[in-house]
Amino acid sequence: MVYFIFRDTLKRMNVKLDKIVPTPKPLIGFSGITLMTLRSIKLPIMAEEVTIIVNFAVVDHPAIYNVILGTPWINTMKAVPSTYHLGIKFSTPNGIAAILGCQKQS
């Protein structure tokens, strides 16, 4: 499974691309267009009190998202997602945490 982070997101985070390992790989989108990933980068994902290091492929393509995470991240977090409630629940050292989305924004 590949996780994606977009170049514009890294720019907003003030991450310099020269510090990232160059690993171009082909990426085929749903529309059939092929583009190359620029590099890969390991970044921490912090969700409440839980932090996991994730290896992202950097993509220079306009997107409405900051990152794209897949089901392996959900499994690593031992999380329970709910698309109906626009949320995800997972265990933390201090109990259960929830991250909720916004119906208006989605």
N, C-alpha and C. Protein backbone atom coordinates (compact mmCIF):
# COMPACT_ATOMS: atom_id res chain seq x y z
N MET A 1 0.84 -1.19 0.00
CA MET A 1 0.00 0.00 0.00
C MET A 1 0.88 1.24 0.00
N VAL A 2 0.50 2.20 -0.78
CA VAL A 2 1.24 3.45 -0.87
C VAL A 2 0.38 4.57 -0.29
N TYR A 3 1.01 5.40 0.52
CA TYR A 3 0.36 6.59 1.05
C TYR A 3 0.89 7.78 0.25
N PHE A 4 0.04 8.76 0.00
CA PHE A 4 0.43 9.89 -0.82
C PHE A 4 0.36 11.19 -0.04
N ILE A 5 1.35 12.05 -0.28
CA ILE A 5 1.30 13.42 0.21
C ILE A 5 1.62 14.30 -0.99
N PHE A 6 0.96 15.42 -1.07
CA PHE A 6 1.09 16.27 -2.25
C PHE A 6 2.15 17.35 -2.01
N ARG A 7 2.86 17.69 -3.07
CA ARG A 7 3.97 18.64 -2.98
C ARG A 7 3.53 19.96 -2.35
N ASP A 8 2.36 20.45 -2.72
CA ASP A 8 1.87 21.71 -2.13
C ASP A 8 1.70 21.59 -0.63
N THR A 9 1.30 20.42 -0.15
CA THR A 9 1.16 20.21 1.29
C THR A 9 2.52 20.33 1.97
N LEU A 10 3.54 19.72 1.37
CA LEU A 10 4.89 19.82 1.94
C LEU A 10 5.39 21.25 1.94
N LYS A 11 5.08 22.01 0.88
CA LYS A 11 5.48 23.42 0.83
C LYS A 11 4.84 24.20 1.97
N ARG A 12 3.55 23.94 2.23
CA ARG A 12 2.86 24.63 3.33
C ARG A 12 3.43 24.23 4.69
N MET A 13 4.03 23.02 4.75
CA MET A 13 4.65 22.54 5.99
C MET A 13 6.11 23.00 6.09
N ASN A 14 6.59 23.74 5.08
CA ASN A 14 7.98 24.21 5.02
C ASN A 14 9.00 23.07 5.01
N VAL A 15 8.65 21.97 4.32
CA VAL A 15 9.56 20.84 4.16
C VAL A 15 10.31 21.04 2.84
N LYS A 16 11.63 21.05 2.92
CA LYS A 16 12.45 21.22 1.71
C LYS A 16 12.56 19.88 0.99
N LEU A 17 12.25 19.90 -0.30
CA LEU A 17 12.25 18.66 -1.09
C LEU A 17 13.65 18.08 -1.27
N ASP A 18 14.71 18.88 -1.13
CA ASP A 18 16.06 18.34 -1.28
C ASP A 18 16.44 17.43 -0.11
N LYS A 19 15.68 17.44 0.96
CA LYS A 19 15.92 16.58 2.11
C LYS A 19 15.23 15.22 1.97
N ILE A 20 14.51 15.03 0.88
CA ILE A 20 13.69 13.84 0.69
C ILE A 20 14.40 12.88 -0.27
N VAL A 21 14.28 11.59 -0.02
CA VAL A 21 14.91 10.56 -0.85
C VAL A 21 14.24 10.51 -2.23
N PRO A 22 15.00 10.71 -3.33
CA PRO A 22 14.38 10.61 -4.66
C PRO A 22 14.08 9.15 -5.02
N THR A 23 12.81 8.84 -5.21
CA THR A 23 12.40 7.49 -5.61
C THR A 23 11.21 7.59 -6.56
N PRO A 24 11.45 8.01 -7.80
CA PRO A 24 10.34 8.13 -8.74
C PRO A 24 9.76 6.77 -9.10
N LYS A 25 8.43 6.69 -9.07
CA LYS A 25 7.71 5.47 -9.43
C LYS A 25 6.48 5.87 -10.23
N PRO A 26 6.05 5.04 -11.18
CA PRO A 26 4.85 5.38 -11.94
C PRO A 26 3.59 5.24 -11.09
N LEU A 27 2.67 6.13 -11.31
CA LEU A 27 1.39 6.13 -10.61
C LEU A 27 0.29 6.28 -11.65
N ILE A 28 -0.62 5.33 -11.70
CA ILE A 28 -1.71 5.38 -12.67
C ILE A 28 -2.98 5.76 -11.94
N GLY A 29 -3.59 6.87 -12.37
CA GLY A 29 -4.80 7.38 -11.73
C GLY A 29 -6.05 6.68 -12.25
N PHE A 30 -7.17 7.00 -11.62
CA PHE A 30 -8.44 6.42 -12.03
C PHE A 30 -8.80 6.78 -13.47
N SER A 31 -8.32 7.94 -13.93
CA SER A 31 -8.63 8.37 -15.30
C SER A 31 -7.71 7.71 -16.32
N GLY A 32 -6.73 6.93 -15.86
CA GLY A 32 -5.80 6.28 -16.77
C GLY A 32 -4.54 7.07 -17.02
N ILE A 33 -4.46 8.29 -16.50
CA ILE A 33 -3.27 9.12 -16.68
C ILE A 33 -2.15 8.60 -15.78
N THR A 34 -0.95 8.50 -16.36
CA THR A 34 0.22 8.05 -15.59
C THR A 34 1.08 9.26 -15.25
N LEU A 35 1.47 9.37 -13.98
CA LEU A 35 2.43 10.38 -13.59
C LEU A 35 3.43 9.73 -12.66
N MET A 36 4.55 10.39 -12.46
CA MET A 36 5.62 9.82 -11.63
C MET A 36 5.60 10.48 -10.25
N THR A 37 5.80 9.64 -9.24
CA THR A 37 6.00 10.22 -7.91
C THR A 37 7.37 10.87 -7.92
N LEU A 38 7.53 11.92 -7.12
CA LEU A 38 8.80 12.64 -7.10
C LEU A 38 9.82 11.97 -6.19
N ARG A 39 9.38 11.69 -4.99
CA ARG A 39 10.27 11.20 -3.95
C ARG A 39 9.45 10.48 -2.90
N SER A 40 10.12 10.00 -1.87
CA SER A 40 9.41 9.46 -0.72
C SER A 40 9.92 10.16 0.54
N ILE A 41 9.07 10.23 1.54
CA ILE A 41 9.41 10.89 2.78
C ILE A 41 8.71 10.18 3.94
N LYS A 42 9.41 10.05 5.04
CA LYS A 42 8.81 9.48 6.25
C LYS A 42 8.40 10.63 7.16
N LEU A 43 7.13 10.62 7.54
CA LEU A 43 6.59 11.67 8.40
C LEU A 43 5.76 11.04 9.52
N PRO A 44 5.74 11.67 10.68
CA PRO A 44 4.87 11.16 11.75
C PRO A 44 3.43 11.59 11.52
N ILE A 45 2.52 10.67 11.76
CA ILE A 45 1.08 10.98 11.75
C ILE A 45 0.65 10.97 13.21
N MET A 46 0.17 12.11 13.68
CA MET A 46 -0.26 12.21 15.06
C MET A 46 -1.78 12.29 15.12
N ALA A 47 -2.37 11.33 15.78
CA ALA A 47 -3.82 11.30 15.96
C ALA A 47 -4.07 11.21 17.47
N GLU A 48 -4.49 12.33 18.03
CA GLU A 48 -4.66 12.42 19.48
C GLU A 48 -3.33 12.09 20.16
N GLU A 49 -3.26 11.04 20.96
CA GLU A 49 -2.04 10.70 21.70
C GLU A 49 -1.20 9.63 21.01
N VAL A 50 -1.60 9.21 19.82
CA VAL A 50 -0.91 8.12 19.12
C VAL A 50 -0.16 8.69 17.92
N THR A 51 1.13 8.32 17.80
CA THR A 51 1.96 8.77 16.68
C THR A 51 2.52 7.55 15.97
N ILE A 52 2.38 7.54 14.64
CA ILE A 52 2.90 6.46 13.80
C ILE A 52 3.70 7.09 12.67
N ILE A 53 4.88 6.53 12.37
CA ILE A 53 5.69 6.99 11.25
C ILE A 53 5.19 6.32 9.98
N VAL A 54 4.93 7.13 8.96
CA VAL A 54 4.39 6.63 7.69
C VAL A 54 5.30 7.07 6.55
N ASN A 55 5.54 6.17 5.62
CA ASN A 55 6.33 6.46 4.43
C ASN A 55 5.39 6.93 3.32
N PHE A 56 5.52 8.19 2.90
CA PHE A 56 4.66 8.77 1.88
C PHE A 56 5.39 8.87 0.55
N ALA A 57 4.66 8.69 -0.55
CA ALA A 57 5.14 9.01 -1.88
C ALA A 57 4.70 10.45 -2.16
N VAL A 58 5.65 11.29 -2.61
CA VAL A 58 5.35 12.69 -2.90
C VAL A 58 4.88 12.81 -4.34
N VAL A 59 3.74 13.46 -4.51
CA VAL A 59 3.14 13.62 -5.83
C VAL A 59 2.97 15.11 -6.12
N ASP A 60 3.39 15.52 -7.31
CA ASP A 60 3.23 16.92 -7.73
C ASP A 60 2.04 17.00 -8.68
N HIS A 61 0.87 17.02 -8.10
CA HIS A 61 -0.38 17.03 -8.87
C HIS A 61 -1.43 17.76 -8.03
N PRO A 62 -2.22 18.63 -8.64
CA PRO A 62 -3.24 19.33 -7.86
C PRO A 62 -4.26 18.36 -7.26
N ALA A 63 -4.62 18.60 -6.02
CA ALA A 63 -5.59 17.73 -5.35
C ALA A 63 -6.32 18.53 -4.28
N ILE A 64 -7.51 18.06 -3.94
CA ILE A 64 -8.28 18.72 -2.88
C ILE A 64 -7.88 18.18 -1.51
N TYR A 65 -7.00 17.18 -1.49
CA TYR A 65 -6.58 16.55 -0.23
C TYR A 65 -5.17 17.01 0.14
N ASN A 66 -4.80 16.84 1.40
CA ASN A 66 -3.42 17.05 1.84
C ASN A 66 -2.62 15.77 1.73
N VAL A 67 -3.24 14.66 2.15
CA VAL A 67 -2.63 13.34 2.09
C VAL A 67 -3.71 12.32 1.76
N ILE A 68 -3.28 11.14 1.34
CA ILE A 68 -4.20 10.02 1.17
C ILE A 68 -3.63 8.85 1.98
N LEU A 69 -4.38 8.42 2.97
CA LEU A 69 -4.02 7.29 3.81
C LEU A 69 -4.91 6.11 3.46
N GLY A 70 -4.38 4.90 3.59
CA GLY A 70 -5.16 3.72 3.26
C GLY A 70 -5.51 2.88 4.46
N THR A 71 -6.07 1.72 4.18
CA THR A 71 -6.51 0.84 5.26
C THR A 71 -5.39 0.30 6.13
N PRO A 72 -4.14 0.13 5.65
CA PRO A 72 -3.10 -0.31 6.58
C PRO A 72 -2.90 0.64 7.76
N TRP A 73 -3.03 1.95 7.51
CA TRP A 73 -2.92 2.92 8.61
C TRP A 73 -4.06 2.70 9.61
N ILE A 74 -5.25 2.49 9.11
CA ILE A 74 -6.40 2.23 9.99
C ILE A 74 -6.16 0.97 10.81
N ASN A 75 -5.63 -0.08 10.17
CA ASN A 75 -5.34 -1.32 10.89
C ASN A 75 -4.24 -1.12 11.93
N THR A 76 -3.18 -0.38 11.58
CA THR A 76 -2.10 -0.12 12.52
C THR A 76 -2.62 0.63 13.74
N MET A 77 -3.54 1.55 13.52
CA MET A 77 -4.14 2.32 14.61
C MET A 77 -5.16 1.50 15.40
N LYS A 78 -5.51 0.32 14.88
CA LYS A 78 -6.58 -0.50 15.46
C LYS A 78 -7.85 0.34 15.59
N ALA A 79 -8.13 1.05 14.51
CA ALA A 79 -9.23 2.01 14.50
C ALA A 79 -10.50 1.42 13.91
N VAL A 80 -11.61 2.06 14.24
CA VAL A 80 -12.91 1.69 13.69
C VAL A 80 -13.46 2.92 12.95
N PRO A 81 -13.44 2.89 11.61
CA PRO A 81 -13.95 4.03 10.86
C PRO A 81 -15.46 3.92 10.63
N SER A 82 -16.10 5.07 10.49
CA SER A 82 -17.52 5.11 10.14
C SER A 82 -17.71 6.18 9.08
N THR A 83 -17.99 5.74 7.85
CA THR A 83 -18.24 6.71 6.79
C THR A 83 -19.57 7.42 7.02
N TYR A 84 -20.52 6.74 7.62
CA TYR A 84 -21.83 7.36 7.90
C TYR A 84 -21.68 8.51 8.88
N HIS A 85 -20.87 8.32 9.92
CA HIS A 85 -20.68 9.36 10.93
C HIS A 85 -19.50 10.28 10.65
N LEU A 86 -18.82 10.06 9.52
CA LEU A 86 -17.64 10.84 9.14
C LEU A 86 -16.62 10.89 10.26
N GLY A 87 -16.33 9.72 10.82
CA GLY A 87 -15.40 9.69 11.94
C GLY A 87 -14.62 8.41 12.03
N ILE A 88 -13.69 8.42 12.96
CA ILE A 88 -12.87 7.25 13.24
C ILE A 88 -12.59 7.23 14.74
N LYS A 89 -12.69 6.05 15.35
CA LYS A 89 -12.40 5.88 16.77
C LYS A 89 -11.26 4.89 16.93
N PHE A 90 -10.42 5.15 17.94
CA PHE A 90 -9.28 4.28 18.19
C PHE A 90 -8.86 4.40 19.64
N SER A 91 -8.13 3.39 20.09
CA SER A 91 -7.66 3.37 21.47
C SER A 91 -6.41 4.23 21.63
N THR A 92 -6.30 4.88 22.79
CA THR A 92 -5.11 5.64 23.16
C THR A 92 -4.68 5.15 24.54
N PRO A 93 -3.51 5.55 25.02
CA PRO A 93 -3.12 5.15 26.37
C PRO A 93 -4.10 5.62 27.45
N ASN A 94 -4.89 6.64 27.16
CA ASN A 94 -5.83 7.18 28.15
C ASN A 94 -7.29 6.91 27.82
N GLY A 95 -7.57 5.94 26.96
CA GLY A 95 -8.96 5.61 26.64
C GLY A 95 -9.22 5.64 25.15
N ILE A 96 -10.48 5.89 24.79
CA ILE A 96 -10.90 5.92 23.38
C ILE A 96 -10.90 7.36 22.87
N ALA A 97 -10.35 7.57 21.68
CA ALA A 97 -10.35 8.89 21.05
C ALA A 97 -11.17 8.81 19.77
N ALA A 98 -11.70 9.94 19.37
CA ALA A 98 -12.49 10.03 18.13
C ALA A 98 -12.05 11.26 17.34
N ILE A 99 -11.94 11.08 16.03
CA ILE A 99 -11.70 12.19 15.12
C ILE A 99 -12.93 12.25 14.22
N LEU A 100 -13.58 13.38 14.23
CA LEU A 100 -14.82 13.54 13.45
C LEU A 100 -14.65 14.54 12.34
N GLY A 101 -15.29 14.27 11.21
CA GLY A 101 -15.29 15.18 10.09
C GLY A 101 -16.47 16.12 10.16
N CYS A 102 -16.59 16.94 9.14
CA CYS A 102 -17.67 17.92 9.06
C CYS A 102 -18.53 17.64 7.83
N GLN A 103 -19.81 17.40 8.04
CA GLN A 103 -20.72 17.09 6.93
C GLN A 103 -20.77 18.22 5.92
N LYS A 104 -20.76 19.47 6.36
CA LYS A 104 -20.82 20.61 5.43
C LYS A 104 -19.59 20.68 4.54
N GLN A 105 -18.41 20.39 5.09
CA GLN A 105 -17.18 20.47 4.32
C GLN A 105 -16.99 19.28 3.38
N SER A 106 -17.61 18.16 3.71
CA SER A 106 -17.44 16.99 2.86
C SER A 106 -18.53 16.99 1.81
